Amino acid sequence: MSQPPSAIPASEESAETQTAPTNNAPPPSYVKLAMRNMVRKRATSLFHFALTAAGLLGVLVGLAFLDRYFNS
């Protein structure tokens, strides 16, 4: 015969209590969540980093060109 649904073996009961999250822990910080997201979506993060670096370099080169053009 099978066991009634209310009877849970001790080994399963302890496994459930060990994996259940506790509400006493504070939620993860924004930085921790952002780092986890960067690791999960590696290609998107690298693409955005390259786009940002290229844009910043373009702005700096453009400002240098304008400075040289108007101050010569």
PDB file of N, CA and C in Angstrom:
ATOM      1  N   MET A   1       0.830  -1.179   0.000  1.00  0.00           N
ATOM      2  CA  MET A   1       0.000   0.000   0.000  1.00  0.00           C
ATOM      3  C   MET A   1       0.879   1.248   0.000  1.00  0.00           C
ATOM      4  N   SER A   2       0.329   2.304  -0.526  1.00  0.00           N
ATOM      5  CA  SER A   2       1.100   3.546  -0.569  1.00  0.00           C
ATOM      6  C   SER A   2       0.894   4.331   0.718  1.00  0.00           C
ATOM      7  N   GLN A   3       1.803   5.232   0.971  1.00  0.00           N
ATOM      8  CA  GLN A   3       1.727   6.046   2.170  1.00  0.00           C
ATOM      9  C   GLN A   3       0.675   7.132   1.988  1.00  0.00           C
ATOM     10  N   PRO A   4       0.023   7.534   3.047  1.00  0.00           N
ATOM     11  CA  PRO A   4      -0.925   8.644   2.935  1.00  0.00           C
ATOM     12  C   PRO A   4      -0.162   9.934   2.586  1.00  0.00           C
ATOM     13  N   PRO A   5      -0.791  10.900   1.908  1.00  0.00           N
ATOM     14  CA  PRO A   5      -0.104  12.109   1.477  1.00  0.00           C
ATOM     15  C   PRO A   5       0.452  12.944   2.621  1.00  0.00           C
ATOM     16  N   SER A   6      -0.113  12.806   3.824  1.00  0.00           N
ATOM     17  CA  SER A   6       0.369  13.613   4.939  1.00  0.00           C
ATOM     18  C   SER A   6       1.672  13.079   5.516  1.00  0.00           C
ATOM     19  N   ALA A   7       2.011  11.815   5.259  1.00  0.00           N
ATOM     20  CA  ALA A   7       3.226  11.231   5.808  1.00  0.00           C
ATOM     21  C   ALA A   7       4.387  11.496   4.852  1.00  0.00           C
ATOM     22  N   ILE A   8       5.308  12.328   5.285  1.00  0.00           N
ATOM     23  CA  ILE A   8       6.483  12.658   4.480  1.00  0.00           C
ATOM     24  C   ILE A   8       7.699  12.052   5.175  1.00  0.00           C
ATOM     25  N   PRO A   9       8.512  11.316   4.432  1.00  0.00           N
ATOM     26  CA  PRO A   9       9.719  10.767   5.056  1.00  0.00           C
ATOM     27  C   PRO A   9      10.609  11.884   5.603  1.00  0.00           C
ATOM     28  N   ALA A  10      11.366  11.569   6.630  1.00  0.00           N
ATOM     29  CA  ALA A  10      12.206  12.573   7.296  1.00  0.00           C
ATOM     30  C   ALA A  10      13.266  13.137   6.357  1.00  0.00           C
ATOM     31  N   SER A  11      13.799  12.318   5.456  1.00  0.00           N
ATOM     32  CA  SER A  11      14.853  12.802   4.562  1.00  0.00           C
ATOM     33  C   SER A  11      14.314  13.862   3.600  1.00  0.00           C
ATOM     34  N   GLU A  12      13.085  13.682   3.100  1.00  0.00           N
ATOM     35  CA  GLU A  12      12.492  14.677   2.209  1.00  0.00           C
ATOM     36  C   GLU A  12      12.133  15.945   2.968  1.00  0.00           C
ATOM     37  N   GLU A  13      11.689  15.792   4.196  1.00  0.00           N
ATOM     38  CA  GLU A  13      11.311  16.961   4.982  1.00  0.00           C
ATOM     39  C   GLU A  13      12.517  17.834   5.273  1.00  0.00           C
ATOM     40  N   SER A  14      13.654  17.221   5.609  1.00  0.00           N
ATOM     41  CA  SER A  14      14.850  18.019   5.895  1.00  0.00           C
ATOM     42  C   SER A  14      15.392  18.664   4.635  1.00  0.00           C
ATOM     43  N   ALA A  15      15.250  17.994   3.480  1.00  0.00           N
ATOM     44  CA  ALA A  15      15.719  18.581   2.226  1.00  0.00           C
ATOM     45  C   ALA A  15      14.897  19.818   1.877  1.00  0.00           C
ATOM     46  N   GLU A  16      13.597  19.787   2.158  1.00  0.00           N
ATOM     47  CA  GLU A  16      12.752  20.935   1.867  1.00  0.00           C
ATOM     48  C   GLU A  16      13.092  22.111   2.766  1.00  0.00           C
ATOM     49  N   THR A  17      13.387  21.836   4.014  1.00  0.00           N
ATOM     50  CA  THR A  17      13.680  22.933   4.926  1.00  0.00           C
ATOM     51  C   THR A  17      15.042  23.537   4.632  1.00  0.00           C
ATOM     52  N   GLN A  18      15.971  22.762   4.103  1.00  0.00           N
ATOM     53  CA  GLN A  18      17.292  23.299   3.802  1.00  0.00           C
ATOM     54  C   GLN A  18      17.275  24.193   2.564  1.00  0.00           C
ATOM     55  N   THR A  19      16.460  23.865   1.557  1.00  0.00           N
ATOM     56  CA  THR A  19      16.454  24.630   0.322  1.00  0.00           C
ATOM     57  C   THR A  19      15.464  25.779   0.339  1.00  0.00           C
ATOM     58  N   ALA A  20      14.593  25.833   1.333  1.00  0.00           N
ATOM     59  CA  ALA A  20      13.621  26.917   1.388  1.00  0.00           C
ATOM     60  C   ALA A  20      14.332  28.226   1.739  1.00  0.00           C
ATOM     61  N   PRO A  21      14.069  29.303   0.981  1.00  0.00           N
ATOM     62  CA  PRO A  21      14.738  30.574   1.280  1.00  0.00           C
ATOM     63  C   PRO A  21      14.205  31.175   2.571  1.00  0.00           C
ATOM     64  N   THR A  22      15.074  31.813   3.288  1.00  0.00           N
ATOM     65  CA  THR A  22      14.663  32.463   4.520  1.00  0.00           C
ATOM     66  C   THR A  22      14.292  33.903   4.207  1.00  0.00           C
ATOM     67  N   ASN A  23      13.301  34.401   4.893  1.00  0.00           N
ATOM     68  CA  ASN A  23      12.858  35.779   4.681  1.00  0.00           C
ATOM     69  C   ASN A  23      13.682  36.764   5.489  1.00  0.00           C
ATOM     70  N   ASN A  24      14.598  36.273   6.313  1.00  0.00           N
ATOM     71  CA  ASN A  24      15.417  37.156   7.132  1.00  0.00           C
ATOM     72  C   ASN A  24      16.531  37.808   6.323  1.00  0.00           C
ATOM     73  N   ALA A  25      16.920  37.209   5.205  1.00  0.00           N
ATOM     74  CA  ALA A  25      18.013  37.756   4.404  1.00  0.00           C
ATOM     75  C   ALA A  25      17.517  38.967   3.624  1.00  0.00           C
ATOM     76  N   PRO A  26      18.349  40.020   3.547  1.00  0.00           N
ATOM     77  CA  PRO A  26      17.935  41.188   2.766  1.00  0.00           C
ATOM     78  C   PRO A  26      17.956  40.861   1.282  1.00  0.00           C
ATOM     79  N   PRO A  27      17.196  41.566   0.475  1.00  0.00           N
ATOM     80  CA  PRO A  27      17.210  41.305  -0.969  1.00  0.00           C
ATOM     81  C   PRO A  27      18.580  41.664  -1.548  1.00  0.00           C
ATOM     82  N   PRO A  28      18.983  41.024  -2.650  1.00  0.00           N
ATOM     83  CA  PRO A  28      20.289  41.315  -3.235  1.00  0.00           C
ATOM     84  C   PRO A  28      20.384  42.781  -3.654  1.00  0.00           C
ATOM     85  N   SER A  29      21.573  43.332  -3.563  1.00  0.00           N
ATOM     86  CA  SER A  29      21.757  44.732  -3.913  1.00  0.00           C
ATOM     87  C   SER A  29      21.667  44.916  -5.423  1.00  0.00           C
ATOM     88  N   TYR A  30      21.517  46.159  -5.838  1.00  0.00           N
ATOM     89  CA  TYR A  30      21.421  46.476  -7.263  1.00  0.00           C
ATOM     90  C   TYR A  30      22.701  46.079  -7.990  1.00  0.00           C
ATOM     91  N   VAL A  31      23.838  46.300  -7.360  1.00  0.00           N
ATOM     92  CA  VAL A  31      25.116  45.969  -7.993  1.00  0.00           C
ATOM     93  C   VAL A  31      25.232  44.465  -8.200  1.00  0.00           C
ATOM     94  N   LYS A  32      24.818  43.691  -7.197  1.00  0.00           N
ATOM     95  CA  LYS A  32      24.895  42.238  -7.313  1.00  0.00           C
ATOM     96  C   LYS A  32      23.987  41.733  -8.431  1.00  0.00           C
ATOM     97  N   LEU A  33      22.787  42.300  -8.539  1.00  0.00           N
ATOM     98  CA  LEU A  33      21.874  41.902  -9.606  1.00  0.00           C
ATOM     99  C   LEU A  33      22.425  42.305 -10.980  1.00  0.00           C
ATOM    100  N   ALA A  34      23.045  43.478 -11.072  1.00  0.00           N
ATOM    101  CA  ALA A  34      23.616  43.927 -12.346  1.00  0.00           C
ATOM    102  C   ALA A  34      24.785  43.030 -12.763  1.00  0.00           C
ATOM    103  N   MET A  35      25.623  42.643 -11.818  1.00  0.00           N
ATOM    104  CA  MET A  35      26.745  41.759 -12.139  1.00  0.00           C
ATOM    105  C   MET A  35      26.236  40.392 -12.594  1.00  0.00           C
ATOM    106  N   ARG A  36      25.216  39.882 -11.929  1.00  0.00           N
ATOM    107  CA  ARG A  36      24.644  38.596 -12.320  1.00  0.00           C
ATOM    108  C   ARG A  36      24.044  38.678 -13.728  1.00  0.00           C
ATOM    109  N   ASN A  37      23.403  39.791 -14.033  1.00  0.00           N
ATOM    110  CA  ASN A  37      22.819  39.978 -15.355  1.00  0.00           C
ATOM    111  C   ASN A  37      23.907  40.075 -16.427  1.00  0.00           C
ATOM    112  N   MET A  38      25.030  40.733 -16.105  1.00  0.00           N
ATOM    113  CA  MET A  38      26.124  40.849 -17.075  1.00  0.00           C
ATOM    114  C   MET A  38      26.727  39.486 -17.378  1.00  0.00           C
ATOM    115  N   VAL A  39      26.812  38.634 -16.387  1.00  0.00           N
ATOM    116  CA  VAL A  39      27.372  37.304 -16.604  1.00  0.00           C
ATOM    117  C   VAL A  39      26.413  36.463 -17.446  1.00  0.00           C
ATOM    118  N   ARG A  40      25.126  36.596 -17.202  1.00  0.00           N
ATOM    119  CA  ARG A  40      24.149  35.808 -17.960  1.00  0.00           C
ATOM    120  C   ARG A  40      24.059  36.247 -19.414  1.00  0.00           C
ATOM    121  N   LYS A  41      24.088  37.555 -19.657  1.00  0.00           N
ATOM    122  CA  LYS A  41      23.919  38.091 -21.009  1.00  0.00           C
ATOM    123  C   LYS A  41      25.240  38.690 -21.474  1.00  0.00           C
ATOM    124  N   ARG A  42      26.238  37.844 -21.589  1.00  0.00           N
ATOM    125  CA  ARG A  42      27.594  38.278 -21.883  1.00  0.00           C
ATOM    126  C   ARG A  42      27.702  39.018 -23.212  1.00  0.00           C
ATOM    127  N   ALA A  43      27.108  38.491 -24.287  1.00  0.00           N
ATOM    128  CA  ALA A  43      27.244  39.106 -25.615  1.00  0.00           C
ATOM    129  C   ALA A  43      26.612  40.494 -25.643  1.00  0.00           C
ATOM    130  N   THR A  44      25.452  40.643 -25.035  1.00  0.00           N
ATOM    131  CA  THR A  44      24.786  41.947 -25.006  1.00  0.00           C
ATOM    132  C   THR A  44      25.600  42.948 -24.206  1.00  0.00           C
ATOM    133  N   SER A  45      26.156  42.510 -23.090  1.00  0.00           N
ATOM    134  CA  SER A  45      26.955  43.407 -22.265  1.00  0.00           C
ATOM    135  C   SER A  45      28.209  43.861 -23.011  1.00  0.00           C
ATOM    136  N   LEU A  46      28.868  42.940 -23.692  1.00  0.00           N
ATOM    137  CA  LEU A  46      30.068  43.313 -24.445  1.00  0.00           C
ATOM    138  C   LEU A  46      29.729  44.239 -25.602  1.00  0.00           C
ATOM    139  N   PHE A  47      28.601  44.008 -26.265  1.00  0.00           N
ATOM    140  CA  PHE A  47      28.184  44.877 -27.358  1.00  0.00           C
ATOM    141  C   PHE A  47      27.905  46.284 -26.843  1.00  0.00           C
ATOM    142  N   HIS A  48      27.213  46.404 -25.736  1.00  0.00           N
ATOM    143  CA  HIS A  48      26.912  47.716 -25.171  1.00  0.00           C
ATOM    144  C   HIS A  48      28.192  48.409 -24.695  1.00  0.00           C
ATOM    145  N   PHE A  49      29.117  47.658 -24.131  1.00  0.00           N
ATOM    146  CA  PHE A  49      30.388  48.247 -23.711  1.00  0.00           C
ATOM    147  C   PHE A  49      31.157  48.774 -24.916  1.00  0.00           C
ATOM    148  N   ALA A  50      31.225  47.993 -25.996  1.00  0.00           N
ATOM    149  CA  ALA A  50      31.934  48.433 -27.202  1.00  0.00           C
ATOM    150  C   ALA A  50      31.255  49.651 -27.812  1.00  0.00           C
ATOM    151  N   LEU A  51      29.939  49.669 -27.829  1.00  0.00           N
ATOM    152  CA  LEU A  51      29.198  50.809 -28.362  1.00  0.00           C
ATOM    153  C   LEU A  51      29.467  52.059 -27.535  1.00  0.00           C
ATOM    154  N   THR A  52      29.495  51.925 -26.225  1.00  0.00           N
ATOM    155  CA  THR A  52      29.775  53.057 -25.346  1.00  0.00           C
ATOM    156  C   THR A  52      31.201  53.557 -25.540  1.00  0.00           C
ATOM    157  N   ALA A  53      32.163  52.630 -25.636  1.00  0.00           N
ATOM    158  CA  ALA A  53      33.563  53.024 -25.837  1.00  0.00           C
ATOM    159  C   ALA A  53      33.739  53.738 -27.170  1.00  0.00           C
ATOM    160  N   ALA A  54      33.111  53.225 -28.233  1.00  0.00           N
ATOM    161  CA  ALA A  54      33.215  53.866 -29.549  1.00  0.00           C
ATOM    162  C   ALA A  54      32.557  55.245 -29.527  1.00  0.00           C
ATOM    163  N   GLY A  55      31.431  55.377 -28.881  1.00  0.00           N
ATOM    164  CA  GLY A  55      30.766  56.678 -28.782  1.00  0.00           C
ATOM    165  C   GLY A  55      31.587  57.682 -28.014  1.00  0.00           C
ATOM    166  N   LEU A  56      32.174  57.272 -26.910  1.00  0.00           N
ATOM    167  CA  LEU A  56      33.013  58.168 -26.116  1.00  0.00           C
ATOM    168  C   LEU A  56      34.248  58.585 -26.900  1.00  0.00           C
ATOM    169  N   LEU A  57      34.861  57.636 -27.581  1.00  0.00           N
ATOM    170  CA  LEU A  57      36.028  57.949 -28.405  1.00  0.00           C
ATOM    171  C   LEU A  57      35.646  58.911 -29.524  1.00  0.00           C
ATOM    172  N   GLY A  58      34.487  58.715 -30.138  1.00  0.00           N
ATOM    173  CA  GLY A  58      34.017  59.624 -31.183  1.00  0.00           C
ATOM    174  C   GLY A  58      33.791  61.032 -30.672  1.00  0.00           C
ATOM    175  N   VAL A  59      33.214  61.153 -29.485  1.00  0.00           N
ATOM    176  CA  VAL A  59      32.988  62.475 -28.898  1.00  0.00           C
ATOM    177  C   VAL A  59      34.321  63.154 -28.601  1.00  0.00           C
ATOM    178  N   LEU A  60      35.279  62.433 -28.046  1.00  0.00           N
ATOM    179  CA  LEU A  60      36.577  63.034 -27.730  1.00  0.00           C
ATOM    180  C   LEU A  60      37.326  63.457 -28.989  1.00  0.00           C
ATOM    181  N   VAL A  61      37.306  62.614 -30.018  1.00  0.00           N
ATOM    182  CA  VAL A  61      37.973  62.975 -31.282  1.00  0.00           C
ATOM    183  C   VAL A  61      37.262  64.165 -31.925  1.00  0.00           C
ATOM    184  N   GLY A  62      35.945  64.182 -31.878  1.00  0.00           N
ATOM    185  CA  GLY A  62      35.192  65.314 -32.427  1.00  0.00           C
ATOM    186  C   GLY A  62      35.501  66.611 -31.706  1.00  0.00           C
ATOM    187  N   LEU A  63      35.561  66.565 -30.379  1.00  0.00           N
ATOM    188  CA  LEU A  63      35.922  67.768 -29.621  1.00  0.00           C
ATOM    189  C   LEU A  63      37.343  68.218 -29.921  1.00  0.00           C
ATOM    190  N   ALA A  64      38.263  67.277 -30.063  1.00  0.00           N
ATOM    191  CA  ALA A  64      39.648  67.638 -30.398  1.00  0.00           C
ATOM    192  C   ALA A  64      39.716  68.281 -31.779  1.00  0.00           C
ATOM    193  N   PHE A  65      38.950  67.752 -32.731  1.00  0.00           N
ATOM    194  CA  PHE A  65      38.924  68.328 -34.072  1.00  0.00           C
ATOM    195  C   PHE A  65      38.357  69.747 -34.044  1.00  0.00           C
ATOM    196  N   LEU A  66      37.238  69.925 -33.326  1.00  0.00           N
ATOM    197  CA  LEU A  66      36.639  71.250 -33.242  1.00  0.00           C
ATOM    198  C   LEU A  66      37.557  72.247 -32.546  1.00  0.00           C
ATOM    199  N   ASP A  67      38.242  71.804 -31.518  1.00  0.00           N
ATOM    200  CA  ASP A  67      39.172  72.675 -30.809  1.00  0.00           C
ATOM    201  C   ASP A  67      40.313  73.102 -31.723  1.00  0.00           C
ATOM    202  N   ARG A  68      40.847  72.159 -32.487  1.00  0.00           N
ATOM    203  CA  ARG A  68      41.944  72.472 -33.407  1.00  0.00           C
ATOM    204  C   ARG A  68      41.453  73.370 -34.543  1.00  0.00           C
ATOM    205  N   TYR A  69      40.261  73.119 -35.048  1.00  0.00           N
ATOM    206  CA  TYR A  69      39.729  73.869 -36.186  1.00  0.00           C
ATOM    207  C   TYR A  69      39.454  75.334 -35.805  1.00  0.00           C
ATOM    208  N   PHE A  70      38.867  75.574 -34.623  1.00  0.00           N
ATOM    209  CA  PHE A  70      38.488  76.925 -34.247  1.00  0.00           C
ATOM    210  C   PHE A  70      39.609  77.690 -33.548  1.00  0.00           C
ATOM    211  N   ASN A  71      40.632  77.016 -33.032  1.00  0.00           N
ATOM    212  CA  ASN A  71      41.696  77.694 -32.299  1.00  0.00           C
ATOM    213  C   ASN A  71      43.001  77.741 -33.062  1.00  0.00           C
ATOM    214  N   SER A  72      43.014  77.485 -34.359  1.00  0.00           N
ATOM    215  CA  SER A  72      44.282  77.529 -35.092  1.00  0.00           C
ATOM    216  C   SER A  72      44.501  78.847 -35.769  1.00  0.00           C
TER     217      SER A  72
END
